[in-house]
Amino acid sequence: MADNNLNGPPLLELSLAEPMDAPTFATIIVNSTVVDTRSPLSFAGGHIKGSYNIWLDGLPAFAGWMVDYEKDIMLVTERQEDIEIATRYLARIGFDKVRGYLCEGIEDWQNHGMMLEQSGLYTVDNLHDKLTQGDLFVLDVRDKEEYSEDHIPGAVNIYVGELEKRLDEVPSDRPVVSVCSTGNRSGLGASILARGGFKTVYNLIGGMTAWKEKGYSAF
């Protein structure tokens, strides 16, 4: 039992998701949750509307905050071999409804002429230059302890796990820049904002690590 908790269920007990082409995938996602495990950079370049961007190794920690246990899960991944890893991670925390995955990747979706959404990216230099203009809302999605240690001047802290329930605290009439330590949690935060109807959302690539590396001020 201890070994299963560490490594997930044995492969024979693991029900792998069904491979689907883009048209089939599109019909199923209407009543499902799409989880895109690609990198924040790949996700920003083009993703299916309404997807959560939970990077692969972040699934065990963050899927439980976002995903409805009663709904089927549909996966979009960077590589074919990520399907088993993602399914195992999800099974380990009680998700047993991983129904299908986009077998030819996001390119198949695009090649079938289906709509892709894009989200914005900021470098730390971009953000530093824009901060003086005062029209950006900087959202720090790290936990309170990380935020207390240091944060970008003026940033407001809402932990990414709580963000979906606190969207009313984020202004919808200003561009929002999502920030974490490196760009993964902030990528998830940006996808949550997009799902919530926010139109102008950016992910800060490199996060606070890159910000401090540049020597920019942090409180």
Foldseek 3Di string as FASTA:
>chain_A
DVVCLVQNDPPVPQDFAAADAQVVVVVQCVQAAEEEQEALVVQQVWDDQRHFHAHLVRCLPAVVLPHDLPGAYEYAYPDPVSRVSSSRSCVSVPRRRPHYYHNVHVVRNVVVVHDIHHAAADELVRCVVCVVVPQEAEEEQDDPVVVVVKDDPRHDYDHLSCCLVVVVVPDLVGAYEYAYQAFNSSSSVQSSVSSVPRDHYYYHHGGPVNNVVVVHDID
